[in-house]
N, C-alpha and C. Protein backbone atom coordinates (compact mmCIF):
# COMPACT_ATOMS: atom_id res chain seq x y z
N UNK A 1 131.29 140.77 -156.82
CA UNK A 1 131.64 140.89 -155.41
C UNK A 1 132.85 141.80 -155.27
N UNK A 2 132.85 142.62 -154.27
CA UNK A 2 133.95 143.53 -153.98
C UNK A 2 135.17 142.73 -153.54
N UNK A 3 136.36 143.17 -153.95
CA UNK A 3 137.60 142.55 -153.52
C UNK A 3 138.33 143.51 -152.60
N UNK A 4 138.81 143.00 -151.48
CA UNK A 4 139.54 143.80 -150.50
C UNK A 4 140.92 143.19 -150.31
N UNK A 5 141.95 144.03 -150.36
CA UNK A 5 143.31 143.60 -150.02
C UNK A 5 143.81 144.55 -148.96
N UNK A 6 144.29 143.99 -147.86
CA UNK A 6 144.83 144.81 -146.79
C UNK A 6 146.00 144.10 -146.16
N UNK A 7 146.99 144.87 -145.72
CA UNK A 7 148.17 144.28 -145.11
C UNK A 7 148.55 144.99 -143.82
N UNK A 8 149.34 144.29 -143.03
CA UNK A 8 149.81 144.83 -141.76
C UNK A 8 151.27 144.42 -141.58
N UNK A 9 152.10 145.38 -141.16
CA UNK A 9 153.52 145.10 -140.93
C UNK A 9 153.71 144.38 -139.59
N UNK A 10 154.67 143.47 -139.53
CA UNK A 10 154.91 142.72 -138.30
C UNK A 10 155.90 143.39 -137.35
N UNK A 11 156.12 144.68 -137.51
CA UNK A 11 157.06 145.38 -136.64
C UNK A 11 156.30 145.99 -135.47
N UNK A 12 156.88 145.94 -134.31
CA UNK A 12 156.22 146.47 -133.12
C UNK A 12 155.18 145.50 -132.58
N UNK A 13 154.60 145.86 -131.46
CA UNK A 13 153.59 145.01 -130.82
C UNK A 13 152.21 145.34 -131.35
N UNK A 14 151.33 144.34 -131.36
CA UNK A 14 149.93 144.59 -131.70
C UNK A 14 149.35 145.40 -130.55
N UNK A 15 148.67 146.49 -130.87
CA UNK A 15 148.11 147.35 -129.84
C UNK A 15 146.62 147.55 -130.09
N UNK A 16 145.96 148.22 -129.16
CA UNK A 16 144.52 148.41 -129.23
C UNK A 16 144.09 149.06 -130.55
N UNK A 17 144.88 150.00 -131.04
CA UNK A 17 144.55 150.65 -132.31
C UNK A 17 144.52 149.66 -133.46
N UNK A 18 145.49 148.72 -133.52
CA UNK A 18 145.49 147.69 -134.55
C UNK A 18 144.21 146.86 -134.47
N UNK A 19 143.88 146.46 -133.25
CA UNK A 19 142.73 145.58 -133.06
C UNK A 19 141.44 146.29 -133.44
N UNK A 20 141.22 147.49 -132.91
CA UNK A 20 139.95 148.19 -133.14
C UNK A 20 139.81 148.78 -134.54
N UNK A 21 140.89 149.27 -135.12
CA UNK A 21 140.79 149.96 -136.39
C UNK A 21 140.97 149.05 -137.59
N UNK A 22 141.59 147.89 -137.43
CA UNK A 22 141.81 147.02 -138.58
C UNK A 22 141.31 145.60 -138.34
N UNK A 23 141.85 144.95 -137.35
CA UNK A 23 141.63 143.51 -137.21
C UNK A 23 140.16 143.14 -137.00
N UNK A 24 139.46 143.84 -136.13
CA UNK A 24 138.04 143.52 -135.89
C UNK A 24 137.24 143.78 -137.17
N UNK A 25 137.58 144.85 -137.87
CA UNK A 25 136.91 145.16 -139.14
C UNK A 25 137.16 144.07 -140.17
N UNK A 26 138.40 143.54 -140.21
CA UNK A 26 138.72 142.48 -141.17
C UNK A 26 137.89 141.23 -140.91
N UNK A 27 137.70 140.89 -139.64
CA UNK A 27 136.92 139.70 -139.29
C UNK A 27 135.50 139.83 -139.85
N UNK A 28 134.90 141.01 -139.71
CA UNK A 28 133.56 141.25 -140.25
C UNK A 28 133.58 141.31 -141.77
N UNK A 29 134.54 142.02 -142.30
CA UNK A 29 134.63 142.27 -143.73
C UNK A 29 134.83 141.00 -144.56
N UNK A 30 135.49 140.00 -144.00
CA UNK A 30 135.78 138.78 -144.75
C UNK A 30 134.50 138.08 -145.23
N UNK A 31 133.38 138.38 -144.58
CA UNK A 31 132.11 137.75 -144.96
C UNK A 31 131.33 138.58 -145.98
N UNK A 32 131.79 139.79 -146.26
CA UNK A 32 131.08 140.68 -147.18
C UNK A 32 131.81 140.95 -148.48
N UNK A 33 133.07 140.51 -148.58
CA UNK A 33 133.88 140.78 -149.77
C UNK A 33 134.87 139.64 -149.98
N UNK A 34 135.37 139.54 -151.20
CA UNK A 34 136.47 138.62 -151.45
C UNK A 34 137.70 139.25 -150.80
N UNK A 35 138.17 138.66 -149.71
CA UNK A 35 139.15 139.32 -148.85
C UNK A 35 140.50 138.63 -148.87
N UNK A 36 141.54 139.43 -149.08
CA UNK A 36 142.92 138.96 -149.03
C UNK A 36 143.64 139.80 -147.99
N UNK A 37 144.24 139.14 -147.00
CA UNK A 37 144.96 139.83 -145.94
C UNK A 37 146.39 139.32 -145.91
N UNK A 38 147.30 140.23 -145.67
CA UNK A 38 148.72 139.90 -145.80
C UNK A 38 149.53 140.49 -144.64
N UNK A 39 150.45 139.69 -144.14
CA UNK A 39 151.47 140.20 -143.23
C UNK A 39 152.59 140.69 -144.16
N UNK A 40 152.75 141.99 -144.24
CA UNK A 40 153.65 142.60 -145.22
C UNK A 40 155.07 142.73 -144.66
N UNK A 41 155.68 141.60 -144.39
CA UNK A 41 157.00 141.59 -143.77
C UNK A 41 158.09 142.16 -144.67
N UNK A 42 157.96 142.05 -145.98
CA UNK A 42 158.98 142.61 -146.87
C UNK A 42 159.02 144.14 -146.78
N UNK A 43 157.90 144.76 -146.44
CA UNK A 43 157.87 146.22 -146.25
C UNK A 43 158.74 146.65 -145.08
N UNK A 44 158.94 145.76 -144.12
CA UNK A 44 159.74 146.07 -142.94
C UNK A 44 161.24 146.13 -143.26
N UNK A 45 161.63 145.69 -144.45
CA UNK A 45 163.04 145.65 -144.81
C UNK A 45 163.56 147.00 -145.31
N UNK A 46 162.78 148.04 -145.15
CA UNK A 46 163.26 149.37 -145.52
C UNK A 46 164.28 149.88 -144.51
N UNK A 47 164.34 149.26 -143.35
CA UNK A 47 165.36 149.56 -142.35
C UNK A 47 166.01 148.24 -141.94
N UNK A 48 167.18 148.31 -141.35
CA UNK A 48 167.89 147.10 -140.93
C UNK A 48 167.07 146.32 -139.92
N UNK A 49 166.93 145.02 -140.13
CA UNK A 49 166.13 144.15 -139.27
C UNK A 49 166.90 142.88 -138.95
N UNK A 50 166.66 142.32 -137.79
CA UNK A 50 167.12 140.98 -137.46
C UNK A 50 166.14 140.04 -138.17
N UNK A 51 166.61 139.34 -139.20
CA UNK A 51 165.72 138.53 -140.04
C UNK A 51 165.05 137.40 -139.27
N UNK A 52 165.74 136.81 -138.32
CA UNK A 52 165.13 135.73 -137.53
C UNK A 52 163.98 136.28 -136.69
N UNK A 53 164.18 137.45 -136.09
CA UNK A 53 163.11 138.08 -135.30
C UNK A 53 161.96 138.52 -136.19
N UNK A 54 162.27 139.04 -137.35
CA UNK A 54 161.22 139.46 -138.29
C UNK A 54 160.37 138.25 -138.70
N UNK A 55 161.02 137.13 -138.95
CA UNK A 55 160.29 135.90 -139.31
C UNK A 55 159.38 135.47 -138.16
N UNK A 56 159.91 135.47 -136.93
CA UNK A 56 159.10 135.09 -135.76
C UNK A 56 157.92 136.05 -135.59
N UNK A 57 158.18 137.34 -135.73
CA UNK A 57 157.11 138.34 -135.60
C UNK A 57 156.04 138.17 -136.67
N UNK A 58 156.46 137.83 -137.87
CA UNK A 58 155.51 137.63 -138.97
C UNK A 58 154.59 136.45 -138.69
N UNK A 59 155.17 135.34 -138.27
CA UNK A 59 154.36 134.16 -137.97
C UNK A 59 153.46 134.40 -136.76
N UNK A 60 153.98 135.11 -135.75
CA UNK A 60 153.18 135.42 -134.56
C UNK A 60 151.98 136.30 -134.94
N UNK A 61 152.20 137.28 -135.81
CA UNK A 61 151.11 138.15 -136.25
C UNK A 61 150.06 137.36 -137.05
N UNK A 62 150.50 136.45 -137.90
CA UNK A 62 149.56 135.60 -138.64
C UNK A 62 148.73 134.76 -137.66
N UNK A 63 149.36 134.25 -136.62
CA UNK A 63 148.64 133.47 -135.60
C UNK A 63 147.61 134.34 -134.88
N UNK A 64 147.96 135.58 -134.58
CA UNK A 64 147.03 136.49 -133.92
C UNK A 64 145.83 136.75 -134.83
N UNK A 65 146.09 136.96 -136.11
CA UNK A 65 144.99 137.21 -137.05
C UNK A 65 144.04 136.02 -137.12
N UNK A 66 144.58 134.81 -137.09
CA UNK A 66 143.72 133.62 -137.06
C UNK A 66 142.97 133.53 -135.74
N UNK A 67 143.64 133.86 -134.65
CA UNK A 67 143.03 133.76 -133.32
C UNK A 67 141.87 134.75 -133.14
N UNK A 68 141.96 135.92 -133.77
CA UNK A 68 140.87 136.89 -133.60
C UNK A 68 139.67 136.59 -134.49
N UNK A 69 139.85 135.66 -135.45
CA UNK A 69 138.70 135.23 -136.22
C UNK A 69 138.80 135.25 -137.73
N UNK A 70 139.97 135.58 -138.30
CA UNK A 70 140.08 135.43 -139.74
C UNK A 70 140.00 133.94 -140.05
N UNK A 71 139.16 133.59 -140.98
CA UNK A 71 138.88 132.19 -141.30
C UNK A 71 139.47 131.85 -142.67
N UNK A 72 140.47 130.97 -142.72
CA UNK A 72 141.09 130.62 -144.00
C UNK A 72 140.13 129.91 -144.97
N UNK A 73 138.98 129.50 -144.48
CA UNK A 73 137.96 128.93 -145.37
C UNK A 73 137.16 130.04 -146.05
N UNK A 74 137.25 131.27 -145.51
CA UNK A 74 136.45 132.39 -146.01
C UNK A 74 137.33 133.43 -146.72
N UNK A 75 138.53 133.67 -146.20
CA UNK A 75 139.41 134.69 -146.75
C UNK A 75 140.78 134.08 -147.06
N UNK A 76 141.63 134.86 -147.69
CA UNK A 76 143.01 134.46 -147.93
C UNK A 76 143.90 135.25 -146.98
N UNK A 77 144.73 134.53 -146.23
CA UNK A 77 145.70 135.15 -145.32
C UNK A 77 147.06 134.57 -145.65
N UNK A 78 148.05 135.46 -145.86
CA UNK A 78 149.39 134.96 -146.16
C UNK A 78 150.45 135.91 -145.63
N UNK A 79 151.64 135.35 -145.42
CA UNK A 79 152.83 136.13 -145.05
C UNK A 79 153.58 136.35 -146.35
N UNK A 80 153.79 137.59 -146.72
CA UNK A 80 154.32 137.93 -148.04
C UNK A 80 155.62 137.22 -148.39
N UNK A 81 156.56 137.14 -147.48
CA UNK A 81 157.85 136.54 -147.81
C UNK A 81 157.76 135.04 -148.06
N UNK A 82 156.66 134.42 -147.67
CA UNK A 82 156.51 132.98 -147.91
C UNK A 82 155.75 132.70 -149.19
N UNK A 83 155.35 133.74 -149.90
CA UNK A 83 154.58 133.59 -151.13
C UNK A 83 155.37 134.15 -152.30
N UNK A 84 155.47 133.37 -153.38
CA UNK A 84 156.17 133.86 -154.56
C UNK A 84 155.25 134.65 -155.47
N UNK A 85 153.95 134.61 -155.17
CA UNK A 85 152.98 135.45 -155.89
C UNK A 85 151.84 135.76 -154.94
N UNK A 86 151.10 136.78 -155.25
CA UNK A 86 149.97 137.15 -154.40
C UNK A 86 148.77 136.32 -154.83
N UNK A 87 148.19 135.52 -153.93
CA UNK A 87 147.07 134.66 -154.29
C UNK A 87 145.90 135.46 -154.86
N UNK A 88 145.29 134.90 -155.89
CA UNK A 88 144.06 135.44 -156.49
C UNK A 88 144.19 136.86 -157.02
N UNK A 89 145.40 137.32 -157.30
CA UNK A 89 145.56 138.68 -157.83
C UNK A 89 146.25 138.61 -159.19
N UNK A 90 145.49 138.64 -160.27
CA UNK A 90 146.10 138.60 -161.60
C UNK A 90 147.04 139.78 -161.82
N UNK A 91 148.16 139.51 -162.42
CA UNK A 91 149.10 140.57 -162.76
C UNK A 91 149.88 141.12 -161.58
N UNK A 92 149.90 140.40 -160.47
CA UNK A 92 150.60 140.92 -159.30
C UNK A 92 152.10 140.73 -159.43
N UNK A 93 152.83 141.52 -158.70
CA UNK A 93 154.28 141.41 -158.66
C UNK A 93 154.68 140.36 -157.64
N UNK A 94 155.85 139.80 -157.79
CA UNK A 94 156.33 138.85 -156.80
C UNK A 94 157.78 139.15 -156.50
N UNK A 95 158.22 138.69 -155.35
CA UNK A 95 159.60 138.90 -154.93
C UNK A 95 160.05 137.69 -154.14
N UNK A 96 161.32 137.34 -154.21
CA UNK A 96 161.81 136.21 -153.44
C UNK A 96 161.87 136.54 -151.97
N UNK A 97 161.87 135.53 -151.10
CA UNK A 97 161.99 135.79 -149.66
C UNK A 97 163.28 136.53 -149.36
N UNK A 98 163.30 137.32 -148.29
CA UNK A 98 164.51 138.08 -147.94
C UNK A 98 165.64 137.15 -147.50
N UNK A 99 166.86 137.55 -147.77
CA UNK A 99 168.02 136.82 -147.30
C UNK A 99 168.84 137.77 -146.45
N UNK A 100 169.81 137.22 -145.72
CA UNK A 100 170.64 138.06 -144.86
C UNK A 100 171.35 139.14 -145.67
N UNK A 101 171.80 138.81 -146.88
CA UNK A 101 172.52 139.80 -147.68
C UNK A 101 171.60 140.89 -148.22
N UNK A 102 170.30 140.55 -148.50
CA UNK A 102 169.40 141.58 -149.04
C UNK A 102 168.88 142.51 -147.98
N UNK A 103 168.97 142.13 -146.70
CA UNK A 103 168.45 142.96 -145.64
C UNK A 103 169.52 143.89 -145.07
N UNK A 104 170.75 143.66 -145.43
CA UNK A 104 171.84 144.45 -144.87
C UNK A 104 171.92 145.81 -145.50
């Protein structure tokens, strides 16, 4: 079976392009491949961020992904900063959750 890994940053608002070009495709794709989807919040730390807002945005984006139809019984969905390893990915790298000092 094909394995798919895709991520989305929690910065900015979800817009029509996100929905049509990624999210709707992910909902369909989860039934055709071993699918892992990630809110890549640690990628957002390349610029200064309000960590509390980043956390809220990350959880809100995960909720949106569930609301549009990603099924945790069918695919893997996770917020990167809450995971010490990438589920079902042998040999993956891991990183600790961001702290105020690491984001400055």
